[in-house]
Amino acid sequence: MGTSGNSETSGSSGNSGARDTAIRELGLADQMMVEELLDAVEPGWKDSLAPGASGATAFLADPKSFMFGAYVNNEPAGWLWGVHVRRPDGRMMTYVHELDVVEHHRRRGIGSTLMEAAVGAARREQSHRLWLVTRQHNEAGNSLYQSLGAQQDTPSNIYKWDL
């Protein structure tokens, strides 16, 4: 991600209530937007910061980190973040660490749109695979990843997309 960012896609997910949904790729200039997303999606996140920590700045400055924010009517509604990693065999892979949508915006296509943005970022980095891990009891997440064509490794509940 580095210093670039703030590319945007918008539209409607087809369900009423998600109209005027925008997905923004966040960059170094978007630290305040990241904090707004965290306040909406993970209330109390500031309590976990170490004194003097600059986590968002360091993350956004890392060229292998990426973050997308979802906004409904310009209000934070969800986020996805991850990293691109070079494997020892030289190929790139992309790992999605977290996808979360504010509860009252769920089941409106925002998670799907965020995942589509992550797949696009992985392809731009020429990753051969995008993967993530979720819990067996995460029914909504498991259903989402299966609906998007991910291959599921059942014992470990790893989902992967060959790109």
C-alpha atoms as a PDB file:
ATOM      1  CA  MET A   1       0.000   0.000   0.000  1.00  0.00           C
ATOM      2  CA  GLY A   2       2.699   2.469   0.967  1.00  0.00           C
ATOM      3  CA  THR A   3       1.873   6.091   0.328  1.00  0.00           C
ATOM      4  CA  SER A   4      -0.694   5.474  -2.369  1.00  0.00           C
ATOM      5  CA  GLY A   5      -4.266   4.740  -1.577  1.00  0.00           C
ATOM      6  CA  ASN A   6      -7.716   6.139  -1.510  1.00  0.00           C
ATOM      7  CA  SER A   7      -8.839   4.416  -4.692  1.00  0.00           C
ATOM      8  CA  GLU A   8     -12.565   3.956  -4.587  1.00  0.00           C
ATOM      9  CA  THR A   9     -15.322   1.837  -6.011  1.00  0.00           C
ATOM     10  CA  SER A  10     -18.947   2.520  -5.307  1.00  0.00           C
ATOM     11  CA  GLY A  11     -22.397   1.326  -6.039  1.00  0.00           C
ATOM     12  CA  SER A  12     -25.195  -0.665  -4.546  1.00  0.00           C
ATOM     13  CA  SER A  13     -24.950  -4.260  -3.427  1.00  0.00           C
ATOM     14  CA  GLY A  14     -28.468  -4.927  -4.596  1.00  0.00           C
ATOM     15  CA  ASN A  15     -30.028  -4.943  -1.141  1.00  0.00           C
ATOM     16  CA  SER A  16     -31.839  -1.876   0.073  1.00  0.00           C
ATOM     17  CA  GLY A  17     -29.924  -0.184   2.848  1.00  0.00           C
ATOM     18  CA  ALA A  18     -26.517  -0.643   1.243  1.00  0.00           C
ATOM     19  CA  ARG A  19     -27.092   2.050  -1.367  1.00  0.00           C
ATOM     20  CA  ASP A  20     -24.302   4.557  -1.748  1.00  0.00           C
ATOM     21  CA  THR A  21     -21.745   2.009  -0.589  1.00  0.00           C
ATOM     22  CA  ALA A  22     -18.139   2.901  -1.358  1.00  0.00           C
ATOM     23  CA  ILE A  23     -15.038   0.765  -0.907  1.00  0.00           C
ATOM     24  CA  ARG A  24     -11.854   2.778  -0.461  1.00  0.00           C
ATOM     25  CA  GLU A  25      -8.302   1.482  -0.485  1.00  0.00           C
ATOM     26  CA  LEU A  26      -6.629   3.387   2.322  1.00  0.00           C
ATOM     27  CA  GLY A  27      -3.101   4.750   2.208  1.00  0.00           C
ATOM     28  CA  LEU A  28      -0.699   6.697   4.381  1.00  0.00           C
ATOM     29  CA  ALA A  29      -2.683   9.928   4.018  1.00  0.00           C
ATOM     30  CA  ASP A  30      -5.775   8.192   5.407  1.00  0.00           C
ATOM     31  CA  GLN A  31      -4.777   7.609   9.034  1.00  0.00           C
ATOM     32  CA  MET A  32      -7.814   9.496  10.369  1.00  0.00           C
ATOM     33  CA  MET A  33     -10.121   7.364   8.210  1.00  0.00           C
ATOM     34  CA  VAL A  34      -8.517   4.231   9.649  1.00  0.00           C
ATOM     35  CA  GLU A  35      -9.155   5.478  13.167  1.00  0.00           C
ATOM     36  CA  GLU A  36     -12.801   6.215  12.264  1.00  0.00           C
ATOM     37  CA  LEU A  37     -13.157   2.683  10.865  1.00  0.00           C
ATOM     38  CA  LEU A  38     -11.654   1.196  14.012  1.00  0.00           C
ATOM     39  CA  ASP A  39     -13.987   3.243  16.205  1.00  0.00           C
ATOM     40  CA  ALA A  40     -16.979   1.924  14.221  1.00  0.00           C
ATOM     41  CA  VAL A  41     -15.918  -1.714  13.804  1.00  0.00           C
ATOM     42  CA  GLU A  42     -13.862  -2.339  16.943  1.00  0.00           C
ATOM     43  CA  PRO A  43     -14.948   0.050  19.710  1.00  0.00           C
ATOM     44  CA  GLY A  44     -12.345   0.326  22.465  1.00  0.00           C
ATOM     45  CA  TRP A  45      -9.414  -0.450  20.145  1.00  0.00           C
ATOM     46  CA  LYS A  46      -7.387   2.469  21.501  1.00  0.00           C
ATOM     47  CA  ASP A  47      -7.180   0.696  24.871  1.00  0.00           C
ATOM     48  CA  SER A  48      -4.982  -1.990  23.291  1.00  0.00           C
ATOM     49  CA  LEU A  49      -2.342   0.429  21.951  1.00  0.00           C
ATOM     50  CA  ALA A  50       1.001   0.575  23.690  1.00  0.00           C
ATOM     51  CA  PRO A  51       1.961   4.052  24.960  1.00  0.00           C
ATOM     52  CA  GLY A  52       3.308   6.102  22.060  1.00  0.00           C
ATOM     53  CA  ALA A  53       2.334   3.456  19.498  1.00  0.00           C
ATOM     54  CA  SER A  54       1.894   4.559  15.907  1.00  0.00           C
ATOM     55  CA  GLY A  55       0.377   1.327  14.652  1.00  0.00           C
ATOM     56  CA  ALA A  56      -1.824   2.770  11.931  1.00  0.00           C
ATOM     57  CA  THR A  57       0.973   4.923  10.519  1.00  0.00           C
ATOM     58  CA  ALA A  58       3.475   2.049  10.474  1.00  0.00           C
ATOM     59  CA  PHE A  59       0.914  -0.291   8.916  1.00  0.00           C
ATOM     60  CA  LEU A  60      -0.151   2.156   6.226  1.00  0.00           C
ATOM     61  CA  ALA A  61       3.476   3.015   5.396  1.00  0.00           C
ATOM     62  CA  ASP A  62       4.363  -0.641   4.772  1.00  0.00           C
ATOM     63  CA  PRO A  63       4.142  -1.252   1.003  1.00  0.00           C
ATOM     64  CA  LYS A  64       3.106  -4.879   1.559  1.00  0.00           C
ATOM     65  CA  SER A  65       0.160  -3.997   3.825  1.00  0.00           C
ATOM     66  CA  PHE A  66      -3.277  -3.181   2.463  1.00  0.00           C
ATOM     67  CA  MET A  67      -6.537  -1.988   3.918  1.00  0.00           C
ATOM     68  CA  PHE A  68      -9.962  -1.334   2.478  1.00  0.00           C
ATOM     69  CA  GLY A  69     -12.727   0.602   4.177  1.00  0.00           C
ATOM     70  CA  ALA A  70     -16.411   0.223   3.386  1.00  0.00           C
ATOM     71  CA  TYR A  71     -18.614   3.277   3.733  1.00  0.00           C
ATOM     72  CA  VAL A  72     -22.391   3.520   3.522  1.00  0.00           C
ATOM     73  CA  ASN A  73     -23.583   7.066   2.939  1.00  0.00           C
ATOM     74  CA  ASN A  74     -20.027   8.179   3.886  1.00  0.00           C
ATOM     75  CA  GLU A  75     -20.223   6.485   7.302  1.00  0.00           C
ATOM     76  CA  PRO A  76     -17.732   3.709   8.202  1.00  0.00           C
ATOM     77  CA  ALA A  77     -19.436   0.324   7.743  1.00  0.00           C
ATOM     78  CA  GLY A  78     -16.621  -2.231   7.594  1.00  0.00           C
ATOM     79  CA  TRP A  79     -13.026  -2.991   6.796  1.00  0.00           C
ATOM     80  CA  LEU A  80     -10.632  -5.607   5.511  1.00  0.00           C
ATOM     81  CA  TRP A  81      -6.891  -5.686   5.974  1.00  0.00           C
ATOM     82  CA  GLY A  82      -4.032  -7.990   5.135  1.00  0.00           C
ATOM     83  CA  VAL A  83      -0.518  -8.350   3.778  1.00  0.00           C
ATOM     84  CA  HIS A  84       1.263  -9.491   0.641  1.00  0.00           C
ATOM     85  CA  VAL A  85       4.087 -11.931   1.394  1.00  0.00           C
ATOM     86  CA  ARG A  86       6.947 -13.190  -0.755  1.00  0.00           C
ATOM     87  CA  ARG A  87       7.386 -16.932  -0.344  1.00  0.00           C
ATOM     88  CA  PRO A  88      10.805 -18.657  -0.304  1.00  0.00           C
ATOM     89  CA  ASP A  89      10.057 -20.006  -3.812  1.00  0.00           C
ATOM     90  CA  GLY A  90       9.794 -16.390  -5.027  1.00  0.00           C
ATOM     91  CA  ARG A  91       6.044 -16.320  -5.588  1.00  0.00           C
ATOM     92  CA  MET A  92       3.769 -13.806  -3.903  1.00  0.00           C
ATOM     93  CA  MET A  93       0.786 -14.751  -1.782  1.00  0.00           C
ATOM     94  CA  THR A  94      -1.777 -12.536  -0.099  1.00  0.00           C
ATOM     95  CA  TYR A  95      -3.136 -13.103   3.390  1.00  0.00           C
ATOM     96  CA  VAL A  96      -6.361 -11.472   4.602  1.00  0.00           C
ATOM     97  CA  HIS A  97      -6.129 -11.126   8.356  1.00  0.00           C
ATOM     98  CA  GLU A  98      -9.406  -9.455   9.170  1.00  0.00           C
ATOM     99  CA  LEU A  99     -12.747  -8.720   7.571  1.00  0.00           C
ATOM    100  CA  ASP A 100     -15.441  -7.153   9.707  1.00  0.00           C
ATOM    101  CA  VAL A 101     -18.658  -5.288   8.989  1.00  0.00           C
ATOM    102  CA  VAL A 102     -20.575  -3.199  11.523  1.00  0.00           C
ATOM    103  CA  GLU A 103     -23.456  -5.347  12.740  1.00  0.00           C
ATOM    104  CA  HIS A 104     -26.332  -3.262  11.367  1.00  0.00           C
ATOM    105  CA  HIS A 105     -24.700  -3.276   7.887  1.00  0.00           C
ATOM    106  CA  ARG A 106     -24.230  -7.043   7.687  1.00  0.00           C
ATOM    107  CA  ARG A 107     -25.945  -9.281   5.097  1.00  0.00           C
ATOM    108  CA  ARG A 108     -25.973  -6.481   2.516  1.00  0.00           C
ATOM    109  CA  GLY A 109     -23.052  -7.518   0.300  1.00  0.00           C
ATOM    110  CA  ILE A 110     -20.397  -5.359   1.953  1.00  0.00           C
ATOM    111  CA  GLY A 111     -18.244  -8.338   2.976  1.00  0.00           C
ATOM    112  CA  SER A 112     -18.382  -9.708  -0.577  1.00  0.00           C
ATOM    113  CA  THR A 113     -17.374  -6.349  -2.015  1.00  0.00           C
ATOM    114  CA  LEU A 114     -14.476  -6.052   0.433  1.00  0.00           C
ATOM    115  CA  MET A 115     -13.281  -9.546  -0.518  1.00  0.00           C
ATOM    116  CA  GLU A 116     -13.515  -8.663  -4.211  1.00  0.00           C
ATOM    117  CA  ALA A 117     -11.319  -5.638  -3.509  1.00  0.00           C
ATOM    118  CA  ALA A 118      -8.795  -7.880  -1.728  1.00  0.00           C
ATOM    119  CA  VAL A 119      -8.727 -10.287  -4.692  1.00  0.00           C
ATOM    120  CA  GLY A 120      -8.079  -7.303  -6.966  1.00  0.00           C
ATOM    121  CA  ALA A 121      -5.202  -6.127  -4.746  1.00  0.00           C
ATOM    122  CA  ALA A 122      -3.741  -9.646  -4.755  1.00  0.00           C
ATOM    123  CA  ARG A 123      -3.875  -9.784  -8.536  1.00  0.00           C
ATOM    124  CA  ARG A 124      -2.164  -6.378  -8.819  1.00  0.00           C
ATOM    125  CA  GLU A 125       0.663  -7.777  -6.686  1.00  0.00           C
ATOM    126  CA  GLN A 126       0.754 -10.858  -8.928  1.00  0.00           C
ATOM    127  CA  SER A 127      -0.014 -13.133  -5.988  1.00  0.00           C
ATOM    128  CA  HIS A 128      -0.613 -16.731  -6.934  1.00  0.00           C
ATOM    129  CA  ARG A 129      -2.896 -17.292  -3.937  1.00  0.00           C
ATOM    130  CA  LEU A 130      -5.074 -15.357  -1.518  1.00  0.00           C
ATOM    131  CA  TRP A 131      -5.873 -17.081   1.746  1.00  0.00           C
ATOM    132  CA  LEU A 132      -7.429 -16.514   5.156  1.00  0.00           C
ATOM    133  CA  VAL A 133      -8.384 -18.472   8.243  1.00  0.00           C
ATOM    134  CA  THR A 134     -11.698 -18.360  10.049  1.00  0.00           C
ATOM    135  CA  ARG A 135     -13.299 -20.301  12.864  1.00  0.00           C
ATOM    136  CA  GLN A 136     -15.568 -23.275  12.225  1.00  0.00           C
ATOM    137  CA  HIS A 137     -18.420 -21.577  14.123  1.00  0.00           C
ATOM    138  CA  ASN A 138     -18.247 -18.405  11.994  1.00  0.00           C
ATOM    139  CA  GLU A 139     -21.262 -19.376   9.897  1.00  0.00           C
ATOM    140  CA  ALA A 140     -21.567 -16.033   8.112  1.00  0.00           C
ATOM    141  CA  GLY A 141     -17.874 -15.952   7.206  1.00  0.00           C
ATOM    142  CA  ASN A 142     -17.799 -19.585   6.090  1.00  0.00           C
ATOM    143  CA  SER A 143     -20.880 -19.035   3.945  1.00  0.00           C
ATOM    144  CA  LEU A 144     -19.378 -15.872   2.436  1.00  0.00           C
ATOM    145  CA  TYR A 145     -16.048 -17.455   1.490  1.00  0.00           C
ATOM    146  CA  GLN A 146     -17.736 -20.524   0.018  1.00  0.00           C
ATOM    147  CA  SER A 147     -20.110 -18.315  -2.016  1.00  0.00           C
ATOM    148  CA  LEU A 148     -17.094 -16.490  -3.440  1.00  0.00           C
ATOM    149  CA  GLY A 149     -15.556 -19.714  -4.726  1.00  0.00           C
ATOM    150  CA  ALA A 150     -12.841 -20.257  -2.140  1.00  0.00           C
ATOM    151  CA  GLN A 151     -11.409 -23.717  -1.675  1.00  0.00           C
ATOM    152  CA  GLN A 152     -11.803 -24.810   1.935  1.00  0.00           C
ATOM    153  CA  ASP A 153      -9.200 -26.841   3.783  1.00  0.00           C
ATOM    154  CA  THR A 154     -11.651 -28.422   6.223  1.00  0.00           C
ATOM    155  CA  PRO A 155      -9.482 -29.555   9.142  1.00  0.00           C
ATOM    156  CA  SER A 156      -7.847 -26.147   9.587  1.00  0.00           C
ATOM    157  CA  ASN A 157     -10.678 -24.063   8.114  1.00  0.00           C
ATOM    158  CA  ILE A 158      -8.325 -22.227   5.769  1.00  0.00           C
ATOM    159  CA  TYR A 159      -9.916 -20.732   2.662  1.00  0.00           C
ATOM    160  CA  LYS A 160      -7.821 -20.101  -0.428  1.00  0.00           C
ATOM    161  CA  TRP A 161      -8.285 -18.703  -3.889  1.00  0.00           C
ATOM    162  CA  ASP A 162      -5.812 -19.704  -6.593  1.00  0.00           C
ATOM    163  CA  LEU A 163      -5.330 -16.618  -8.743  1.00  0.00           C
END
